[in-house]
Amino acid sequence: MINRPPIGGASEPPPMLRFTDMPQVLDDDEFPFVLGVIEDSRPSLEVEGARYRRCSDGYLVEWPVESVWLRARAYTVDPARTTIMALAGPLLNDWWPILRSSPADPARPFLSAGAAGQSIEVAVLGFPAQRVNVALLEVGTVAVIGLEGTIADADTLHLYHFLSLTVIRAAIEILGEYRALVGQVPDVQVQVSEDQGIPLEVLLDAAADLGRMLSPQSG
């Protein structure tokens, strides 16, 4: 049984959340996979159950949930716009040309929306549903939400505190659609550190459990 992230209501601003208070220990090009299985020992700012680490123009928000860490990355797109995203990884990179040339499939709504260049409505726990975009970027398949404003705006920080869970749930659902798409999961190891890997099927099992935990029915 996976416990829900310990977060407050959507109308409650996270206290003392300021960009400059986050330890600057994140590399600018660091975009980690949505699920972490090894605890990051670097300093962090803990706010309302989440941990924050920043780089020069963005930050990582991490929700510890039992033995895994749910992760989303906020970054600056241009001086007046930011994005928060969760990375589903490179598993689907080779599938995108096929998905784009195939008709939409109700069995994989997230990937169908991404292939069509459309957003999809995503609800998480008890929070209102939000529009999320699914796209293939250089780092892999991502779920993203963009906002006007700078990375250090109080309003942006407040909204991303909660929207991080929305893109995290979307990325987890994408992993579930990948599993259905390939049928039999490849017998491969996913590197989680320089000297440690876990079976892909174990990672996808964990993602399925987390997806159920984050669904609106759990809120």
C-alpha atoms as a PDB file:
ATOM      1  CA  MET A   1       0.000   0.000   0.000  1.00  0.00           C
ATOM      2  CA  ILE A   2       1.490   3.342  -1.091  1.00  0.00           C
ATOM      3  CA  ASN A   3       0.661   6.381   0.997  1.00  0.00           C
ATOM      4  CA  ARG A   4      -0.434   9.620  -0.615  1.00  0.00           C
ATOM      5  CA  PRO A   5       1.990  12.567  -0.697  1.00  0.00           C
ATOM      6  CA  PRO A   6       1.477  14.687   2.449  1.00  0.00           C
ATOM      7  CA  ILE A   7       0.141  17.840   0.778  1.00  0.00           C
ATOM      8  CA  GLY A   8      -2.337  20.483   1.812  1.00  0.00           C
ATOM      9  CA  GLY A   9      -5.380  21.753  -0.079  1.00  0.00           C
ATOM     10  CA  ALA A  10      -5.033  23.603  -3.382  1.00  0.00           C
ATOM     11  CA  SER A  11      -6.141  26.870  -1.771  1.00  0.00           C
ATOM     12  CA  GLU A  12      -3.423  26.737   0.864  1.00  0.00           C
ATOM     13  CA  PRO A  13      -0.194  28.436  -0.312  1.00  0.00           C
ATOM     14  CA  PRO A  14       2.897  26.452   0.671  1.00  0.00           C
ATOM     15  CA  PRO A  15       4.558  28.463   3.456  1.00  0.00           C
ATOM     16  CA  MET A  16       8.027  29.980   3.082  1.00  0.00           C
ATOM     17  CA  LEU A  17       8.506  28.817  -0.520  1.00  0.00           C
ATOM     18  CA  ARG A  18      11.021  31.159  -2.144  1.00  0.00           C
ATOM     19  CA  PHE A  19      13.261  30.366  -5.081  1.00  0.00           C
ATOM     20  CA  THR A  20      16.342  31.876  -3.469  1.00  0.00           C
ATOM     21  CA  ASP A  21      15.878  29.701  -0.358  1.00  0.00           C
ATOM     22  CA  MET A  22      16.275  26.498  -2.372  1.00  0.00           C
ATOM     23  CA  PRO A  23      19.821  25.073  -2.228  1.00  0.00           C
ATOM     24  CA  GLN A  24      21.528  25.652  -5.595  1.00  0.00           C
ATOM     25  CA  VAL A  25      22.783  22.079  -6.034  1.00  0.00           C
ATOM     26  CA  LEU A  26      20.998  21.127  -9.268  1.00  0.00           C
ATOM     27  CA  ASP A  27      22.839  21.092 -12.591  1.00  0.00           C
ATOM     28  CA  ASP A  28      21.266  23.276 -15.289  1.00  0.00           C
ATOM     29  CA  ASP A  29      20.992  20.275 -17.620  1.00  0.00           C
ATOM     30  CA  GLU A  30      19.669  17.883 -14.958  1.00  0.00           C
ATOM     31  CA  PHE A  31      16.239  16.530 -15.938  1.00  0.00           C
ATOM     32  CA  PRO A  32      15.658  13.339 -13.915  1.00  0.00           C
ATOM     33  CA  PHE A  33      13.176  10.550 -14.597  1.00  0.00           C
ATOM     34  CA  VAL A  34       9.758  10.991 -12.957  1.00  0.00           C
ATOM     35  CA  LEU A  35      10.397   8.104 -10.528  1.00  0.00           C
ATOM     36  CA  GLY A  36      13.435   8.117  -8.294  1.00  0.00           C
ATOM     37  CA  VAL A  37      14.368   4.927  -6.446  1.00  0.00           C
ATOM     38  CA  ILE A  38      17.531   6.185  -4.720  1.00  0.00           C
ATOM     39  CA  GLU A  39      17.332   9.068  -2.260  1.00  0.00           C
ATOM     40  CA  ASP A  40      19.139  12.223  -3.294  1.00  0.00           C
ATOM     41  CA  SER A  41      21.497  13.113  -0.451  1.00  0.00           C
ATOM     42  CA  ARG A  42      22.064  16.690  -1.599  1.00  0.00           C
ATOM     43  CA  PRO A  43      20.659  19.518   0.559  1.00  0.00           C
ATOM     44  CA  SER A  44      17.045  20.475  -0.093  1.00  0.00           C
ATOM     45  CA  LEU A  45      14.370  22.890   1.091  1.00  0.00           C
ATOM     46  CA  GLU A  46      11.441  20.945   2.559  1.00  0.00           C
ATOM     47  CA  VAL A  47       8.012  22.557   2.213  1.00  0.00           C
ATOM     48  CA  GLU A  48       4.654  20.872   2.818  1.00  0.00           C
ATOM     49  CA  GLY A  49       5.973  17.380   2.159  1.00  0.00           C
ATOM     50  CA  ALA A  50       7.975  18.314  -0.956  1.00  0.00           C
ATOM     51  CA  ARG A  51      11.716  18.821  -1.352  1.00  0.00           C
ATOM     52  CA  TYR A  52      13.153  21.560  -3.525  1.00  0.00           C
ATOM     53  CA  ARG A  53      16.582  21.950  -5.151  1.00  0.00           C
ATOM     54  CA  ARG A  54      17.400  24.620  -7.710  1.00  0.00           C
ATOM     55  CA  CYS A  55      19.805  25.515 -10.483  1.00  0.00           C
ATOM     56  CA  SER A  56      20.340  28.945 -12.041  1.00  0.00           C
ATOM     57  CA  ASP A  57      17.011  29.159 -13.898  1.00  0.00           C
ATOM     58  CA  GLY A  58      14.818  26.367 -12.539  1.00  0.00           C
ATOM     59  CA  TYR A  59      14.323  23.786  -9.846  1.00  0.00           C
ATOM     60  CA  LEU A  60      13.365  20.210  -9.046  1.00  0.00           C
ATOM     61  CA  VAL A  61      10.393  19.392  -6.819  1.00  0.00           C
ATOM     62  CA  GLU A  62      10.434  15.931  -5.299  1.00  0.00           C
ATOM     63  CA  TRP A  63       7.670  14.180  -3.364  1.00  0.00           C
ATOM     64  CA  PRO A  64       8.885  11.301  -1.148  1.00  0.00           C
ATOM     65  CA  VAL A  65       6.353   8.454  -1.168  1.00  0.00           C
ATOM     66  CA  GLU A  66       7.503   5.457   0.851  1.00  0.00           C
ATOM     67  CA  SER A  67      10.488   4.002  -1.049  1.00  0.00           C
ATOM     68  CA  VAL A  68      10.246   6.148  -4.202  1.00  0.00           C
ATOM     69  CA  TRP A  69      10.469   9.834  -5.053  1.00  0.00           C
ATOM     70  CA  LEU A  70       8.066  11.505  -7.494  1.00  0.00           C
ATOM     71  CA  ARG A  71       9.893  14.235  -9.414  1.00  0.00           C
ATOM     72  CA  ALA A  72       8.993  17.198 -11.591  1.00  0.00           C
ATOM     73  CA  ARG A  73      11.294  19.835 -13.072  1.00  0.00           C
ATOM     74  CA  ALA A  74      10.462  23.530 -13.449  1.00  0.00           C
ATOM     75  CA  TYR A  75      12.552  25.635 -15.808  1.00  0.00           C
ATOM     76  CA  THR A  76      12.636  28.950 -17.633  1.00  0.00           C
ATOM     77  CA  VAL A  77      11.525  28.934 -21.282  1.00  0.00           C
ATOM     78  CA  ASP A  78      12.065  32.649 -21.899  1.00  0.00           C
ATOM     79  CA  PRO A  79      12.140  35.737 -19.643  1.00  0.00           C
ATOM     80  CA  ALA A  80       8.344  35.783 -19.330  1.00  0.00           C
ATOM     81  CA  ARG A  81       7.424  32.100 -19.436  1.00  0.00           C
ATOM     82  CA  THR A  82       8.183  28.942 -17.464  1.00  0.00           C
ATOM     83  CA  THR A  83       7.314  25.257 -17.684  1.00  0.00           C
ATOM     84  CA  ILE A  84       6.957  22.402 -15.271  1.00  0.00           C
ATOM     85  CA  MET A  85       7.448  18.911 -16.650  1.00  0.00           C
ATOM     86  CA  ALA A  86       7.737  15.293 -15.608  1.00  0.00           C
ATOM     87  CA  LEU A  87       9.959  13.004 -17.656  1.00  0.00           C
ATOM     88  CA  ALA A  88       8.685   9.594 -18.763  1.00  0.00           C
ATOM     89  CA  GLY A  89      12.101   8.899 -20.276  1.00  0.00           C
ATOM     90  CA  PRO A  90      13.376   7.631 -23.646  1.00  0.00           C
ATOM     91  CA  LEU A  91      11.334   4.391 -23.709  1.00  0.00           C
ATOM     92  CA  LEU A  92       8.933   5.763 -26.318  1.00  0.00           C
ATOM     93  CA  ASN A  93      11.397   7.634 -28.534  1.00  0.00           C
ATOM     94  CA  ASP A  94      11.219   5.096 -31.375  1.00  0.00           C
ATOM     95  CA  TRP A  95       7.427   4.865 -31.141  1.00  0.00           C
ATOM     96  CA  TRP A  96       6.649   8.510 -31.890  1.00  0.00           C
ATOM     97  CA  PRO A  97       6.754   8.219 -35.726  1.00  0.00           C
ATOM     98  CA  ILE A  98       4.350   5.264 -35.490  1.00  0.00           C
ATOM     99  CA  LEU A  99       2.060   7.084 -33.059  1.00  0.00           C
ATOM    100  CA  ARG A 100       1.954  10.199 -35.256  1.00  0.00           C
ATOM    101  CA  SER A 101       0.961   8.172 -38.319  1.00  0.00           C
ATOM    102  CA  SER A 102      -1.685   6.124 -36.477  1.00  0.00           C
ATOM    103  CA  PRO A 103      -5.277   7.108 -35.666  1.00  0.00           C
ATOM    104  CA  ALA A 104      -6.072   8.170 -32.122  1.00  0.00           C
ATOM    105  CA  ASP A 105      -6.604   5.206 -29.823  1.00  0.00           C
ATOM    106  CA  PRO A 106      -8.916   5.588 -26.789  1.00  0.00           C
ATOM    107  CA  ALA A 107      -6.824   2.912 -25.075  1.00  0.00           C
ATOM    108  CA  ARG A 108      -3.860   5.322 -24.997  1.00  0.00           C
ATOM    109  CA  PRO A 109      -5.335   8.822 -24.573  1.00  0.00           C
ATOM    110  CA  PHE A 110      -2.105  10.470 -23.388  1.00  0.00           C
ATOM    111  CA  LEU A 111       0.038   9.259 -26.278  1.00  0.00           C
ATOM    112  CA  SER A 112      -2.755   9.896 -28.776  1.00  0.00           C
ATOM    113  CA  ALA A 113      -3.076  13.483 -27.555  1.00  0.00           C
ATOM    114  CA  GLY A 114       0.672  13.988 -27.774  1.00  0.00           C
ATOM    115  CA  ALA A 115       0.891  12.533 -31.270  1.00  0.00           C
ATOM    116  CA  ALA A 116      -1.939  14.829 -32.404  1.00  0.00           C
ATOM    117  CA  GLY A 117      -0.370  17.906 -30.798  1.00  0.00           C
ATOM    118  CA  GLN A 118      -3.321  18.325 -28.456  1.00  0.00           C
ATOM    119  CA  SER A 119      -3.489  18.816 -24.711  1.00  0.00           C
ATOM    120  CA  ILE A 120      -5.286  16.420 -22.388  1.00  0.00           C
ATOM    121  CA  GLU A 121      -7.175  17.085 -19.167  1.00  0.00           C
ATOM    122  CA  VAL A 122      -5.560  15.506 -16.108  1.00  0.00           C
ATOM    123  CA  ALA A 123      -6.921  15.370 -12.567  1.00  0.00           C
ATOM    124  CA  VAL A 124      -4.923  14.299  -9.546  1.00  0.00           C
ATOM    125  CA  LEU A 125      -6.161  13.479  -6.041  1.00  0.00           C
ATOM    126  CA  GLY A 126      -8.766  16.080  -5.033  1.00  0.00           C
ATOM    127  CA  PHE A 127      -7.424  18.943  -7.168  1.00  0.00           C
ATOM    128  CA  PRO A 128      -9.156  20.474 -10.229  1.00  0.00           C
ATOM    129  CA  ALA A 129      -8.263  18.972 -13.592  1.00  0.00           C
ATOM    130  CA  GLN A 130      -5.657  20.836 -15.676  1.00  0.00           C
ATOM    131  CA  ARG A 131      -4.655  20.754 -19.349  1.00  0.00           C
ATOM    132  CA  VAL A 132      -1.346  18.945 -19.904  1.00  0.00           C
ATOM    133  CA  ASN A 133       0.710  18.630 -23.077  1.00  0.00           C
ATOM    134  CA  VAL A 134       2.571  15.440 -23.972  1.00  0.00           C
ATOM    135  CA  ALA A 135       5.616  15.853 -26.200  1.00  0.00           C
ATOM    136  CA  LEU A 136       8.880  14.317 -27.324  1.00  0.00           C
ATOM    137  CA  LEU A 137      11.822  16.509 -26.322  1.00  0.00           C
ATOM    138  CA  GLU A 138      15.553  15.894 -26.426  1.00  0.00           C
ATOM    139  CA  VAL A 139      15.405  14.342 -22.943  1.00  0.00           C
ATOM    140  CA  GLY A 140      12.557  11.975 -23.867  1.00  0.00           C
ATOM    141  CA  THR A 141       8.766  11.892 -23.599  1.00  0.00           C
ATOM    142  CA  VAL A 142       7.460  14.509 -21.190  1.00  0.00           C
ATOM    143  CA  ALA A 143       4.237  15.791 -19.666  1.00  0.00           C
ATOM    144  CA  VAL A 144       4.308  19.592 -19.417  1.00  0.00           C
ATOM    145  CA  ILE A 145       2.331  22.620 -18.255  1.00  0.00           C
ATOM    146  CA  GLY A 146       3.471  26.167 -19.040  1.00  0.00           C
ATOM    147  CA  LEU A 147       2.718  29.420 -17.217  1.00  0.00           C
ATOM    148  CA  GLU A 148       3.366  33.087 -17.864  1.00  0.00           C
ATOM    149  CA  GLY A 149       5.759  34.696 -15.375  1.00  0.00           C
ATOM    150  CA  THR A 150       9.245  34.144 -14.028  1.00  0.00           C
ATOM    151  CA  ILE A 151      10.560  31.112 -12.189  1.00  0.00           C
ATOM    152  CA  ALA A 152      10.751  33.041  -8.893  1.00  0.00           C
ATOM    153  CA  ASP A 153       7.251  34.565  -8.982  1.00  0.00           C
ATOM    154  CA  ALA A 154       5.302  33.764  -5.828  1.00  0.00           C
ATOM    155  CA  ASP A 155       2.223  32.830  -7.881  1.00  0.00           C
ATOM    156  CA  THR A 156       4.254  30.547 -10.142  1.00  0.00           C
ATOM    157  CA  LEU A 157       5.894  28.812  -7.173  1.00  0.00           C
ATOM    158  CA  HIS A 158       2.530  28.310  -5.500  1.00  0.00           C
ATOM    159  CA  LEU A 159       0.875  26.861  -8.615  1.00  0.00           C
ATOM    160  CA  TYR A 160       3.792  24.612  -9.528  1.00  0.00           C
ATOM    161  CA  HIS A 161       3.821  23.188  -6.008  1.00  0.00           C
ATOM    162  CA  PHE A 162       0.502  21.535  -6.875  1.00  0.00           C
ATOM    163  CA  LEU A 163       0.817  21.264 -10.665  1.00  0.00           C
ATOM    164  CA  SER A 164       3.961  19.202 -10.144  1.00  0.00           C
ATOM    165  CA  LEU A 165       1.680  16.340  -9.100  1.00  0.00           C
ATOM    166  CA  THR A 166      -0.474  16.835 -12.202  1.00  0.00           C
ATOM    167  CA  VAL A 167       2.441  16.385 -14.615  1.00  0.00           C
ATOM    168  CA  ILE A 168       3.821  13.562 -12.473  1.00  0.00           C
ATOM    169  CA  ARG A 169       0.534  11.686 -12.771  1.00  0.00           C
ATOM    170  CA  ALA A 170       0.486  12.312 -16.545  1.00  0.00           C
ATOM    171  CA  ALA A 171       4.026  10.935 -16.938  1.00  0.00           C
ATOM    172  CA  ILE A 172       3.102   7.871 -14.897  1.00  0.00           C
ATOM    173  CA  GLU A 173       0.038   7.288 -17.086  1.00  0.00           C
ATOM    174  CA  ILE A 174       2.294   7.527 -20.146  1.00  0.00           C
ATOM    175  CA  LEU A 175       4.433   4.739 -18.705  1.00  0.00           C
ATOM    176  CA  GLY A 176       1.295   2.635 -18.314  1.00  0.00           C
ATOM    177  CA  GLU A 177       0.376   3.255 -21.950  1.00  0.00           C
ATOM    178  CA  TYR A 178       3.895   2.260 -22.987  1.00  0.00           C
ATOM    179  CA  ARG A 179       3.434  -1.045 -21.177  1.00  0.00           C
ATOM    180  CA  ALA A 180       0.172  -1.719 -23.023  1.00  0.00           C
ATOM    181  CA  LEU A 181       1.734  -0.662 -26.318  1.00  0.00           C
ATOM    182  CA  VAL A 182       4.679  -3.052 -26.198  1.00  0.00           C
ATOM    183  CA  GLY A 183       2.748  -5.991 -24.747  1.00  0.00           C
ATOM    184  CA  GLN A 184       5.585  -7.984 -23.229  1.00  0.00           C
ATOM    185  CA  VAL A 185       7.943  -5.751 -21.264  1.00  0.00           C
ATOM    186  CA  PRO A 186      11.553  -6.066 -22.470  1.00  0.00           C
ATOM    187  CA  ASP A 187      13.855  -7.889 -20.049  1.00  0.00           C
ATOM    188  CA  VAL A 188      16.185  -4.948 -19.505  1.00  0.00           C
ATOM    189  CA  GLN A 189      17.720  -3.153 -16.569  1.00  0.00           C
ATOM    190  CA  VAL A 190      17.089   0.539 -15.977  1.00  0.00           C
ATOM    191  CA  GLN A 191      20.128   2.310 -14.575  1.00  0.00           C
ATOM    192  CA  VAL A 192      19.266   4.177 -11.379  1.00  0.00           C
ATOM    193  CA  SER A 193      22.858   4.965 -10.432  1.00  0.00           C
ATOM    194  CA  GLU A 194      26.330   4.452 -11.841  1.00  0.00           C
ATOM    195  CA  ASP A 195      26.497   0.913 -10.473  1.00  0.00           C
ATOM    196  CA  GLN A 196      22.891  -0.109  -9.886  1.00  0.00           C
ATOM    197  CA  GLY A 197      19.945  -1.041 -12.100  1.00  0.00           C
ATOM    198  CA  ILE A 198      16.447  -2.434 -11.622  1.00  0.00           C
ATOM    199  CA  PRO A 199      14.293  -4.451 -14.040  1.00  0.00           C
ATOM    200  CA  LEU A 200      12.090  -2.307 -16.260  1.00  0.00           C
ATOM    201  CA  GLU A 201       9.074  -4.437 -15.336  1.00  0.00           C
ATOM    202  CA  VAL A 202       9.588  -3.691 -11.622  1.00  0.00           C
ATOM    203  CA  LEU A 203       9.730   0.026 -12.404  1.00  0.00           C
ATOM    204  CA  LEU A 204       6.517  -0.154 -14.435  1.00  0.00           C
ATOM    205  CA  ASP A 205       4.801  -2.090 -11.636  1.00  0.00           C
ATOM    206  CA  ALA A 206       5.690   0.709  -9.222  1.00  0.00           C
ATOM    207  CA  ALA A 207       4.400   3.280 -11.723  1.00  0.00           C
ATOM    208  CA  ALA A 208       1.063   1.455 -11.942  1.00  0.00           C
ATOM    209  CA  ASP A 209       0.683   1.506  -8.142  1.00  0.00           C
ATOM    210  CA  LEU A 210       1.527   5.196  -8.028  1.00  0.00           C
ATOM    211  CA  GLY A 211      -0.905   5.991 -10.817  1.00  0.00           C
ATOM    212  CA  ARG A 212      -3.735   4.446  -8.808  1.00  0.00           C
ATOM    213  CA  MET A 213      -2.626   6.367  -5.720  1.00  0.00           C
ATOM    214  CA  LEU A 214      -2.681   9.698  -7.594  1.00  0.00           C
ATOM    215  CA  SER A 215      -6.020   9.158  -9.319  1.00  0.00           C
ATOM    216  CA  PRO A 216      -8.921  11.498  -8.423  1.00  0.00           C
ATOM    217  CA  GLN A 217     -10.713   8.580  -6.757  1.00  0.00           C
ATOM    218  CA  SER A 218      -7.926   8.594  -4.132  1.00  0.00           C
ATOM    219  CA  GLY A 219      -8.374  12.278  -3.323  1.00  0.00           C
END
